[in-house]
Amino acid sequence: MPSPWPLLLDDPATGLDVADREQLIDRLEVLGLTRLEPASVLVNRHLEELPPGTTHAMLLRDGRCLVAGRVGEILAGLQASACFDHPVRFTQVDGWWSVRTRRPAPAE
């Protein structure tokens, strides 16, 4: 086995309820903090499921890499809106990411 050993996860929280999803994310976070620190790849469509401590991200569009790099830079940039072909805004609170749609100001 290579060192560190790889951990590949493809939408691991699909079908889980909120409590089970949170327990999975907590375990992934703890695993990332262990001495073994596996190299992990998490394929996901839901940013609220990114474990705190996630360091890098890659945005794919039509099966191709649109942009890759440090997670904060990737999600703060305009590439995220281009990736989703929709205006989005990412925020991070206590290590947790969330995404909201940018909406135009209401007309008065």
Protein backbone atom coordinates (compact mmCIF):
# COMPACT_ATOMS: atom_id res chain seq x y z
CA MET A 1 0.00 0.00 0.00
CA PRO A 2 1.18 3.50 -0.71
CA SER A 3 1.91 5.73 2.23
CA PRO A 4 -0.30 7.52 3.10
CA TRP A 5 -2.97 5.06 2.05
CA PRO A 6 -5.73 6.53 -0.15
CA LEU A 7 -9.33 6.93 0.93
CA LEU A 8 -11.74 7.45 -1.99
CA LEU A 9 -15.34 8.43 -1.21
CA ASP A 10 -18.06 9.11 -3.77
CA ASP A 11 -21.07 10.90 -2.23
CA PRO A 12 -20.73 8.91 1.02
CA ALA A 13 -23.64 10.66 2.74
CA THR A 14 -26.22 9.90 0.05
CA GLY A 15 -29.34 8.54 1.71
CA LEU A 16 -28.25 9.39 5.25
CA ASP A 17 -30.42 11.43 7.56
CA VAL A 18 -28.98 14.57 9.18
CA ALA A 19 -27.72 12.84 12.35
CA ASP A 20 -26.00 10.04 10.45
CA ARG A 21 -24.50 12.51 7.98
CA GLU A 22 -23.04 14.57 10.83
CA GLN A 23 -21.58 11.45 12.45
CA LEU A 24 -19.97 10.45 9.14
CA ILE A 25 -18.44 13.91 8.71
CA ASP A 26 -17.19 13.89 12.31
CA ARG A 27 -15.51 10.54 11.73
CA LEU A 28 -13.92 11.75 8.49
CA GLU A 29 -12.61 14.81 10.31
CA VAL A 30 -11.15 12.70 13.13
CA LEU A 31 -9.61 10.34 10.59
CA GLY A 32 -7.93 13.30 8.90
CA LEU A 33 -6.44 14.35 12.24
CA THR A 34 -4.94 10.96 13.06
CA ARG A 35 -1.29 10.14 12.80
CA LEU A 36 -1.96 8.08 9.67
CA GLU A 37 -3.64 10.98 7.85
CA PRO A 38 -4.91 9.17 4.76
CA ALA A 39 -4.82 10.97 1.46
CA SER A 40 -8.53 11.35 0.79
CA VAL A 41 -10.61 12.26 -2.22
CA LEU A 42 -14.23 13.12 -1.54
CA VAL A 43 -16.53 13.48 -4.54
CA ASN A 44 -19.49 15.51 -3.44
CA ARG A 45 -22.20 17.85 -4.63
CA HIS A 46 -23.05 19.20 -1.19
CA LEU A 47 -20.55 21.58 0.39
CA GLU A 48 -22.12 21.28 3.82
CA GLU A 49 -20.70 17.74 3.79
CA LEU A 50 -17.08 18.84 3.40
CA PRO A 51 -15.28 17.96 6.62
CA PRO A 52 -13.61 20.87 8.41
CA GLY A 53 -9.94 20.68 7.57
CA THR A 54 -10.56 20.13 3.86
CA THR A 55 -7.58 21.81 2.24
CA HIS A 56 -8.08 21.55 -1.51
CA ALA A 57 -10.95 21.46 -3.99
CA MET A 58 -11.48 20.84 -7.65
CA LEU A 59 -14.53 22.05 -9.54
CA LEU A 60 -15.61 19.88 -12.46
CA ARG A 61 -17.87 20.91 -15.30
CA ASP A 62 -18.85 18.56 -18.10
CA GLY A 63 -16.32 16.03 -16.82
CA ARG A 64 -13.40 18.45 -17.02
CA CYS A 65 -11.44 20.29 -14.38
CA LEU A 66 -12.54 23.92 -14.34
CA VAL A 67 -10.25 24.97 -11.49
CA ALA A 68 -8.30 23.33 -8.67
CA GLY A 69 -6.39 24.62 -5.66
CA ARG A 70 -6.78 25.59 -2.02
CA VAL A 71 -10.42 25.27 -1.03
CA GLY A 72 -10.82 28.85 0.23
CA GLU A 73 -9.44 30.33 -2.99
CA ILE A 74 -11.53 28.06 -5.20
CA LEU A 75 -14.82 28.69 -3.44
CA ALA A 76 -14.22 32.42 -3.02
CA GLY A 77 -13.54 32.92 -6.73
CA LEU A 78 -15.89 33.55 -9.61
CA GLN A 79 -15.13 30.10 -11.03
CA ALA A 80 -17.69 28.54 -8.68
CA SER A 81 -20.53 30.50 -10.26
CA ALA A 82 -19.18 29.58 -13.71
CA CYS A 83 -19.04 25.93 -12.69
CA PHE A 84 -22.69 25.87 -11.65
CA ASP A 85 -23.73 28.28 -14.42
CA HIS A 86 -25.58 30.13 -11.68
CA PRO A 87 -24.51 32.92 -9.31
CA VAL A 88 -23.53 31.42 -5.96
CA ARG A 89 -21.89 32.68 -2.77
CA PHE A 90 -19.92 30.45 -0.44
CA THR A 91 -19.39 31.12 3.24
CA GLN A 92 -17.42 29.35 5.92
CA VAL A 93 -18.29 29.38 9.62
CA ASP A 94 -16.28 27.38 12.16
CA GLY A 95 -14.71 25.36 9.36
CA TRP A 96 -18.03 24.43 7.73
CA TRP A 97 -18.85 25.53 4.18
CA SER A 98 -22.27 26.48 2.91
CA VAL A 99 -23.54 27.85 -0.37
CA ARG A 100 -26.37 30.21 -1.17
CA THR A 101 -27.73 31.50 -4.42
CA ARG A 102 -27.08 35.15 -5.08
CA ARG A 103 -30.38 36.81 -5.64
CA PRO A 104 -30.97 40.23 -7.08
CA ALA A 105 -32.13 42.91 -4.68
CA PRO A 106 -35.94 43.12 -4.58
CA ALA A 107 -37.43 45.87 -6.71
CA GLU A 108 -39.03 48.65 -4.75
